[in-house]
Amino acid sequence: MAGLRLANATLETKDREMLLEVITELEGHPDNAAPAIYGGCRLGYKNKIGQTRTQQIPTPRGISLVLFVPNDKMKKNTHATRGLIPDKLAMVDAVHNMSRTALIVLAFSTNQLEMLSECLDERIHQKARARALFPHFDACVEGATSAGAEYAFLSGAGPTICAIVGGRKGELQLQQSSERRAERVAQAMVDAARRVGVAGRAIITAPTELGAHILGGSVLNGGAIHYAKL
């Protein structure tokens, strides 16, 4: 992504649709490229003539994102983890995941984060990848939700676990200590992963409506928790 954005700027082109097509061709899907290029929470799809398109859905107000990032990459590459997903799915599991996808879009669009708790039981890719590669998955999800996160999930193909935490008011680092629920979730994820033998750090951030860029960051608790502006 970074390399293609640099090439995009060097060539002085503003054609984001072309950039989306190029990255989708390389990755096989627009899931990562679309929000990185356009910002916000995005849906990606192919239109009737095979062009990649993306549409924005509302980002819930006042959410923080907490990411647990293991020190060990724990996989060779993303493509290797795709082989862990079964080629054939039971109809009941496919319907289950489709209904949860719709629920997530509804929860985001209406700012009803409590709905997300109904979506924790994804059946297709998370468990298959976690059983083979990510022993911290269940522990981190349980730790995050027990500490107050509305939702936690495997970020892409892993190994990072992402938690969604509601209730943020204003800038993350300007909150009173009693309001910093995201920090409690971050510490719970770090502790939970450590108990199953996985060391790592937590990054606390918030969604942005801009495309990929880095403004700065800071470190807390001896490097275990990081704040980032993305």
C-alpha atoms as a PDB file:
ATOM      1  CA  MET A   1       0.000   0.000   0.000  1.00  0.00           C
ATOM      2  CA  ALA A   2       2.705   2.466   1.021  1.00  0.00           C
ATOM      3  CA  GLY A   3       4.747   1.797  -2.100  1.00  0.00           C
ATOM      4  CA  LEU A   4       1.795   2.209  -4.419  1.00  0.00           C
ATOM      5  CA  ARG A   5       0.685   5.399  -2.685  1.00  0.00           C
ATOM      6  CA  LEU A   6       4.217   6.767  -3.142  1.00  0.00           C
ATOM      7  CA  ALA A   7       4.168   5.813  -6.817  1.00  0.00           C
ATOM      8  CA  ASN A   8       0.731   7.408  -7.107  1.00  0.00           C
ATOM      9  CA  ALA A   9       2.062  10.674  -5.682  1.00  0.00           C
ATOM     10  CA  THR A  10       5.277  10.558  -7.724  1.00  0.00           C
ATOM     11  CA  LEU A  11       3.298  10.144 -10.924  1.00  0.00           C
ATOM     12  CA  GLU A  12       1.074  13.033  -9.820  1.00  0.00           C
ATOM     13  CA  THR A  13      -2.134  11.101 -10.410  1.00  0.00           C
ATOM     14  CA  LYS A  14      -5.243  11.561  -8.293  1.00  0.00           C
ATOM     15  CA  ASP A  15      -6.987   8.512  -9.722  1.00  0.00           C
ATOM     16  CA  ARG A  16      -7.968   6.635  -6.568  1.00  0.00           C
ATOM     17  CA  GLU A  17     -10.170   4.207  -8.510  1.00  0.00           C
ATOM     18  CA  MET A  18      -7.154   3.078 -10.537  1.00  0.00           C
ATOM     19  CA  LEU A  19      -5.136   2.622  -7.347  1.00  0.00           C
ATOM     20  CA  LEU A  20      -7.985   0.573  -5.848  1.00  0.00           C
ATOM     21  CA  GLU A  21      -8.059  -1.676  -8.911  1.00  0.00           C
ATOM     22  CA  VAL A  22      -4.292  -2.236  -8.849  1.00  0.00           C
ATOM     23  CA  ILE A  23      -4.156  -3.151  -5.163  1.00  0.00           C
ATOM     24  CA  THR A  24      -7.269  -5.333  -5.399  1.00  0.00           C
ATOM     25  CA  GLU A  25      -5.633  -7.223  -8.241  1.00  0.00           C
ATOM     26  CA  LEU A  26      -2.531  -7.804  -6.104  1.00  0.00           C
ATOM     27  CA  GLU A  27      -4.370  -8.746  -2.901  1.00  0.00           C
ATOM     28  CA  GLY A  28      -7.363 -10.515  -4.417  1.00  0.00           C
ATOM     29  CA  HIS A  29      -9.916  -8.314  -2.616  1.00  0.00           C
ATOM     30  CA  PRO A  30     -10.498  -4.622  -1.767  1.00  0.00           C
ATOM     31  CA  ASP A  31     -11.010  -5.110   1.988  1.00  0.00           C
ATOM     32  CA  ASN A  32      -7.747  -3.455   3.034  1.00  0.00           C
ATOM     33  CA  ALA A  33      -7.191  -1.189   0.057  1.00  0.00           C
ATOM     34  CA  ALA A  34     -10.527   0.626   0.126  1.00  0.00           C
ATOM     35  CA  PRO A  35     -10.321   2.094   3.663  1.00  0.00           C
ATOM     36  CA  ALA A  36      -6.594   2.750   3.256  1.00  0.00           C
ATOM     37  CA  ILE A  37      -7.219   4.822   0.126  1.00  0.00           C
ATOM     38  CA  TYR A  38     -10.508   6.503   0.965  1.00  0.00           C
ATOM     39  CA  GLY A  39     -10.652   6.390   4.770  1.00  0.00           C
ATOM     40  CA  GLY A  40     -13.628   5.537   6.925  1.00  0.00           C
ATOM     41  CA  CYS A  41     -15.458   2.236   7.090  1.00  0.00           C
ATOM     42  CA  ARG A  42     -15.895   0.804   3.615  1.00  0.00           C
ATOM     43  CA  LEU A  43     -17.716  -1.964   1.787  1.00  0.00           C
ATOM     44  CA  GLY A  44     -15.974  -3.403  -1.268  1.00  0.00           C
ATOM     45  CA  TYR A  45     -17.473  -5.284  -4.201  1.00  0.00           C
ATOM     46  CA  LYS A  46     -17.277  -5.951  -7.934  1.00  0.00           C
ATOM     47  CA  ASN A  47     -19.899  -4.341 -10.152  1.00  0.00           C
ATOM     48  CA  LYS A  48     -21.672  -6.061 -13.043  1.00  0.00           C
ATOM     49  CA  ILE A  49     -18.737  -5.563 -15.428  1.00  0.00           C
ATOM     50  CA  GLY A  50     -16.081  -6.656 -12.946  1.00  0.00           C
ATOM     51  CA  GLN A  51     -14.839  -3.263 -11.762  1.00  0.00           C
ATOM     52  CA  THR A  52     -13.905  -2.877  -8.114  1.00  0.00           C
ATOM     53  CA  ARG A  53     -16.128  -0.419  -6.278  1.00  0.00           C
ATOM     54  CA  THR A  54     -16.383   0.781  -2.692  1.00  0.00           C
ATOM     55  CA  GLN A  55     -19.060   2.516  -0.669  1.00  0.00           C
ATOM     56  CA  GLN A  56     -18.723   4.125   2.757  1.00  0.00           C
ATOM     57  CA  ILE A  57     -20.917   3.231   5.699  1.00  0.00           C
ATOM     58  CA  PRO A  58     -21.126   5.484   8.775  1.00  0.00           C
ATOM     59  CA  THR A  59     -18.397   5.098  11.380  1.00  0.00           C
ATOM     60  CA  PRO A  60     -19.961   4.880  14.863  1.00  0.00           C
ATOM     61  CA  ARG A  61     -19.405   7.964  16.981  1.00  0.00           C
ATOM     62  CA  GLY A  62     -16.891   7.825  19.805  1.00  0.00           C
ATOM     63  CA  ILE A  63     -15.290   4.450  19.177  1.00  0.00           C
ATOM     64  CA  SER A  64     -11.714   3.485  19.931  1.00  0.00           C
ATOM     65  CA  LEU A  65      -9.853   0.628  18.305  1.00  0.00           C
ATOM     66  CA  VAL A  66      -7.512  -1.516  20.384  1.00  0.00           C
ATOM     67  CA  LEU A  67      -5.133  -3.787  18.501  1.00  0.00           C
ATOM     68  CA  PHE A  68      -3.097  -6.539  20.118  1.00  0.00           C
ATOM     69  CA  VAL A  69      -0.024  -7.154  17.964  1.00  0.00           C
ATOM     70  CA  PRO A  70       2.100 -10.239  18.806  1.00  0.00           C
ATOM     71  CA  ASN A  71       5.863  -9.833  18.719  1.00  0.00           C
ATOM     72  CA  ASP A  72       6.042 -12.963  16.584  1.00  0.00           C
ATOM     73  CA  LYS A  73       4.505 -12.712  13.109  1.00  0.00           C
ATOM     74  CA  MET A  74       3.237 -16.308  13.582  1.00  0.00           C
ATOM     75  CA  LYS A  75       2.633 -16.953   9.859  1.00  0.00           C
ATOM     76  CA  LYS A  76       4.620 -17.052   6.622  1.00  0.00           C
ATOM     77  CA  ASN A  77       2.239 -14.782   4.712  1.00  0.00           C
ATOM     78  CA  THR A  78      -1.441 -13.992   4.275  1.00  0.00           C
ATOM     79  CA  HIS A  79      -1.809 -16.315   1.298  1.00  0.00           C
ATOM     80  CA  ALA A  80      -0.720 -19.283   3.428  1.00  0.00           C
ATOM     81  CA  THR A  81      -3.579 -18.680   5.857  1.00  0.00           C
ATOM     82  CA  ARG A  82      -6.157 -18.688   3.051  1.00  0.00           C
ATOM     83  CA  GLY A  83      -5.497 -22.384   2.604  1.00  0.00           C
ATOM     84  CA  LEU A  84      -6.827 -22.990   6.106  1.00  0.00           C
ATOM     85  CA  ILE A  85     -10.345 -21.928   5.109  1.00  0.00           C
ATOM     86  CA  PRO A  86     -12.449 -24.842   3.809  1.00  0.00           C
ATOM     87  CA  ASP A  87     -13.352 -24.896   0.115  1.00  0.00           C
ATOM     88  CA  LYS A  88     -16.903 -25.962   0.911  1.00  0.00           C
ATOM     89  CA  LEU A  89     -19.178 -24.487   3.571  1.00  0.00           C
ATOM     90  CA  ALA A  90     -22.283 -25.813   5.249  1.00  0.00           C
ATOM     91  CA  MET A  91     -25.326 -23.809   4.220  1.00  0.00           C
ATOM     92  CA  VAL A  92     -26.165 -23.080   7.860  1.00  0.00           C
ATOM     93  CA  ASP A  93     -22.712 -21.570   8.456  1.00  0.00           C
ATOM     94  CA  ALA A  94     -22.843 -19.437   5.308  1.00  0.00           C
ATOM     95  CA  VAL A  95     -26.274 -18.087   6.250  1.00  0.00           C
ATOM     96  CA  HIS A  96     -25.097 -17.491   9.812  1.00  0.00           C
ATOM     97  CA  ASN A  97     -22.153 -15.375   8.656  1.00  0.00           C
ATOM     98  CA  MET A  98     -24.268 -13.458   6.140  1.00  0.00           C
ATOM     99  CA  SER A  99     -26.729 -12.502   8.866  1.00  0.00           C
ATOM    100  CA  ARG A 100     -23.876 -11.324  11.127  1.00  0.00           C
ATOM    101  CA  THR A 101     -22.409  -9.257   8.297  1.00  0.00           C
ATOM    102  CA  ALA A 102     -25.748  -7.504   7.905  1.00  0.00           C
ATOM    103  CA  LEU A 103     -25.947  -6.972  11.676  1.00  0.00           C
ATOM    104  CA  ILE A 104     -22.513  -5.347  11.756  1.00  0.00           C
ATOM    105  CA  VAL A 105     -23.483  -2.927   8.973  1.00  0.00           C
ATOM    106  CA  LEU A 106     -26.720  -2.115  10.832  1.00  0.00           C
ATOM    107  CA  ALA A 107     -24.880  -1.605  14.134  1.00  0.00           C
ATOM    108  CA  PHE A 108     -22.402   0.772  12.506  1.00  0.00           C
ATOM    109  CA  SER A 109     -25.041   2.641  10.520  1.00  0.00           C
ATOM    110  CA  THR A 110     -27.311   3.218  13.523  1.00  0.00           C
ATOM    111  CA  ASN A 111     -24.615   3.599  16.195  1.00  0.00           C
ATOM    112  CA  GLN A 112     -26.059   0.647  18.138  1.00  0.00           C
ATOM    113  CA  LEU A 113     -22.812  -0.990  19.204  1.00  0.00           C
ATOM    114  CA  GLU A 114     -24.590  -3.344  21.593  1.00  0.00           C
ATOM    115  CA  MET A 115     -25.653  -5.354  18.516  1.00  0.00           C
ATOM    116  CA  LEU A 116     -22.029  -6.328  17.914  1.00  0.00           C
ATOM    117  CA  SER A 117     -22.075  -8.815  20.794  1.00  0.00           C
ATOM    118  CA  GLU A 118     -24.349 -10.976  18.600  1.00  0.00           C
ATOM    119  CA  CYS A 119     -21.605 -11.150  15.968  1.00  0.00           C
ATOM    120  CA  LEU A 120     -18.793 -12.693  18.019  1.00  0.00           C
ATOM    121  CA  ASP A 121     -19.497 -16.248  16.851  1.00  0.00           C
ATOM    122  CA  GLU A 122     -18.124 -16.010  13.288  1.00  0.00           C
ATOM    123  CA  ARG A 123     -17.995 -19.534  11.816  1.00  0.00           C
ATOM    124  CA  ILE A 124     -15.882 -19.536   8.654  1.00  0.00           C
ATOM    125  CA  HIS A 125     -12.362 -18.125   8.904  1.00  0.00           C
ATOM    126  CA  GLN A 126     -11.439 -17.054  12.450  1.00  0.00           C
ATOM    127  CA  LYS A 127     -11.549 -20.383  14.271  1.00  0.00           C
ATOM    128  CA  ALA A 128      -9.876 -22.247  11.398  1.00  0.00           C
ATOM    129  CA  ARG A 129      -6.947 -19.830  11.386  1.00  0.00           C
ATOM    130  CA  ALA A 130      -6.763 -19.539  15.169  1.00  0.00           C
ATOM    131  CA  ARG A 131      -6.655 -23.306  15.755  1.00  0.00           C
ATOM    132  CA  ALA A 132      -3.731 -23.676  13.373  1.00  0.00           C
ATOM    133  CA  LEU A 133      -1.704 -20.534  14.055  1.00  0.00           C
ATOM    134  CA  PHE A 134      -2.967 -18.153  16.737  1.00  0.00           C
ATOM    135  CA  PRO A 135      -3.239 -19.577  20.271  1.00  0.00           C
ATOM    136  CA  HIS A 136      -3.927 -16.098  21.661  1.00  0.00           C
ATOM    137  CA  PHE A 137      -7.126 -15.548  19.665  1.00  0.00           C
ATOM    138  CA  ASP A 138      -9.729 -16.886  22.097  1.00  0.00           C
ATOM    139  CA  ALA A 139      -7.896 -15.462  25.113  1.00  0.00           C
ATOM    140  CA  CYS A 140      -7.657 -11.967  23.594  1.00  0.00           C
ATOM    141  CA  VAL A 141     -11.294 -11.880  22.495  1.00  0.00           C
ATOM    142  CA  GLU A 142     -12.463 -13.033  25.917  1.00  0.00           C
ATOM    143  CA  GLY A 143     -10.127 -10.604  27.678  1.00  0.00           C
ATOM    144  CA  ALA A 144     -11.247  -7.684  25.526  1.00  0.00           C
ATOM    145  CA  THR A 145     -14.986  -8.263  25.868  1.00  0.00           C
ATOM    146  CA  SER A 146     -14.712  -8.977  29.597  1.00  0.00           C
ATOM    147  CA  ALA A 147     -12.899  -5.640  30.025  1.00  0.00           C
ATOM    148  CA  GLY A 148     -15.632  -3.718  28.217  1.00  0.00           C
ATOM    149  CA  ALA A 149     -15.064  -4.004  24.473  1.00  0.00           C
ATOM    150  CA  GLU A 150     -18.207  -4.277  22.371  1.00  0.00           C
ATOM    151  CA  TYR A 151     -16.555  -6.522  19.799  1.00  0.00           C
ATOM    152  CA  ALA A 152     -13.236  -8.241  19.116  1.00  0.00           C
ATOM    153  CA  PHE A 153     -12.075 -10.121  16.050  1.00  0.00           C
ATOM    154  CA  LEU A 154      -9.126 -11.401  14.062  1.00  0.00           C
ATOM    155  CA  SER A 155      -7.765  -8.512  12.009  1.00  0.00           C
ATOM    156  CA  GLY A 156      -7.630  -9.774   8.449  1.00  0.00           C
ATOM    157  CA  ALA A 157      -5.632 -12.990   8.322  1.00  0.00           C
ATOM    158  CA  GLY A 158      -4.017 -12.296  11.720  1.00  0.00           C
ATOM    159  CA  PRO A 159      -2.138 -12.463  13.971  1.00  0.00           C
ATOM    160  CA  THR A 160      -3.381  -9.052  15.212  1.00  0.00           C
ATOM    161  CA  ILE A 161      -6.602  -9.021  17.228  1.00  0.00           C
ATOM    162  CA  CYS A 162      -8.736  -5.861  17.023  1.00  0.00           C
ATOM    163  CA  ALA A 163     -11.283  -4.755  19.631  1.00  0.00           C
ATOM    164  CA  ILE A 164     -13.952  -2.075  19.228  1.00  0.00           C
ATOM    165  CA  VAL A 165     -14.558   0.025  22.336  1.00  0.00           C
ATOM    166  CA  GLY A 166     -17.374   2.568  22.552  1.00  0.00           C
ATOM    167  CA  GLY A 167     -17.906   5.565  24.780  1.00  0.00           C
ATOM    168  CA  ARG A 168     -14.952   7.734  23.780  1.00  0.00           C
ATOM    169  CA  LYS A 169     -15.418  11.478  24.218  1.00  0.00           C
ATOM    170  CA  GLY A 170     -12.911  13.729  22.474  1.00  0.00           C
ATOM    171  CA  GLU A 171      -9.240  12.938  21.945  1.00  0.00           C
ATOM    172  CA  LEU A 172      -8.079   9.588  23.338  1.00  0.00           C
ATOM    173  CA  GLN A 173      -5.230  10.966  25.422  1.00  0.00           C
ATOM    174  CA  LEU A 174      -7.256  13.856  26.853  1.00  0.00           C
ATOM    175  CA  GLN A 175      -9.749  11.580  28.578  1.00  0.00           C
ATOM    176  CA  GLN A 176      -9.916  11.343  32.358  1.00  0.00           C
ATOM    177  CA  SER A 177      -8.412   8.141  33.761  1.00  0.00           C
ATOM    178  CA  SER A 178     -11.882   6.904  34.697  1.00  0.00           C
ATOM    179  CA  GLU A 179     -12.992   7.275  31.063  1.00  0.00           C
ATOM    180  CA  ARG A 180     -10.106   5.373  29.535  1.00  0.00           C
ATOM    181  CA  ARG A 181     -11.921   2.101  28.950  1.00  0.00           C
ATOM    182  CA  ALA A 182      -9.739   1.446  25.915  1.00  0.00           C
ATOM    183  CA  GLU A 183      -6.648   1.278  28.132  1.00  0.00           C
ATOM    184  CA  ARG A 184      -8.308  -1.327  30.354  1.00  0.00           C
ATOM    185  CA  VAL A 185      -9.193  -3.349  27.273  1.00  0.00           C
ATOM    186  CA  ALA A 186      -5.631  -3.013  25.958  1.00  0.00           C
ATOM    187  CA  GLN A 187      -4.107  -4.238  29.200  1.00  0.00           C
ATOM    188  CA  ALA A 188      -6.584  -7.119  29.387  1.00  0.00           C
ATOM    189  CA  MET A 189      -5.599  -8.249  25.881  1.00  0.00           C
ATOM    190  CA  VAL A 190      -1.871  -8.047  26.618  1.00  0.00           C
ATOM    191  CA  ASP A 191      -2.344  -9.991  29.881  1.00  0.00           C
ATOM    192  CA  ALA A 192      -4.614 -12.616  28.303  1.00  0.00           C
ATOM    193  CA  ALA A 193      -2.174 -13.286  25.460  1.00  0.00           C
ATOM    194  CA  ARG A 194       0.737 -13.500  27.889  1.00  0.00           C
ATOM    195  CA  ARG A 195      -1.092 -16.171  29.905  1.00  0.00           C
ATOM    196  CA  VAL A 196      -1.170 -18.424  26.837  1.00  0.00           C
ATOM    197  CA  GLY A 197       2.473 -17.753  26.024  1.00  0.00           C
ATOM    198  CA  VAL A 198       2.142 -14.996  23.421  1.00  0.00           C
ATOM    199  CA  ALA A 199       4.018 -11.751  24.057  1.00  0.00           C
ATOM    200  CA  GLY A 200       3.032  -8.559  22.290  1.00  0.00           C
ATOM    201  CA  ARG A 201       1.882  -4.973  22.583  1.00  0.00           C
ATOM    202  CA  ALA A 202      -1.419  -3.136  22.324  1.00  0.00           C
ATOM    203  CA  ILE A 203      -2.031  -0.129  20.102  1.00  0.00           C
ATOM    204  CA  ILE A 204      -4.908   2.239  20.918  1.00  0.00           C
ATOM    205  CA  THR A 205      -6.201   4.353  18.085  1.00  0.00           C
ATOM    206  CA  ALA A 206      -9.415   5.665  16.534  1.00  0.00           C
ATOM    207  CA  PRO A 207     -10.950   5.558  13.046  1.00  0.00           C
ATOM    208  CA  THR A 208     -10.249   8.331  10.578  1.00  0.00           C
ATOM    209  CA  GLU A 209     -12.153   9.555   7.566  1.00  0.00           C
ATOM    210  CA  LEU A 210      -8.851  10.152   5.737  1.00  0.00           C
ATOM    211  CA  GLY A 211      -6.796   7.670   3.776  1.00  0.00           C
ATOM    212  CA  ALA A 212      -3.547   6.149   5.037  1.00  0.00           C
ATOM    213  CA  HIS A 213      -1.113   8.546   6.682  1.00  0.00           C
ATOM    214  CA  ILE A 214       0.806   8.735   9.975  1.00  0.00           C
ATOM    215  CA  LEU A 215       0.885  11.866  12.119  1.00  0.00           C
ATOM    216  CA  GLY A 216       2.676  10.601  15.228  1.00  0.00           C
ATOM    217  CA  GLY A 217       2.344   8.504  18.365  1.00  0.00           C
ATOM    218  CA  SER A 218       3.371   7.910  21.961  1.00  0.00           C
ATOM    219  CA  VAL A 219       4.152   5.001  24.284  1.00  0.00           C
ATOM    220  CA  LEU A 220       2.799   4.080  27.731  1.00  0.00           C
ATOM    221  CA  ASN A 221       3.633   1.476  30.358  1.00  0.00           C
ATOM    222  CA  GLY A 222       7.145   0.729  29.221  1.00  0.00           C
ATOM    223  CA  GLY A 223       6.151  -0.042  25.658  1.00  0.00           C
ATOM    224  CA  ALA A 224       3.236  -2.410  26.333  1.00  0.00           C
ATOM    225  CA  ILE A 225       0.608   0.110  25.181  1.00  0.00           C
ATOM    226  CA  HIS A 226       0.992   2.507  22.259  1.00  0.00           C
ATOM    227  CA  TYR A 227      -1.208   5.408  21.173  1.00  0.00           C
ATOM    228  CA  ALA A 228      -1.201   6.122  17.449  1.00  0.00           C
ATOM    229  CA  LYS A 229      -2.746   8.732  15.192  1.00  0.00           C
ATOM    230  CA  LEU A 230      -3.480   7.046  11.871  1.00  0.00           C
END
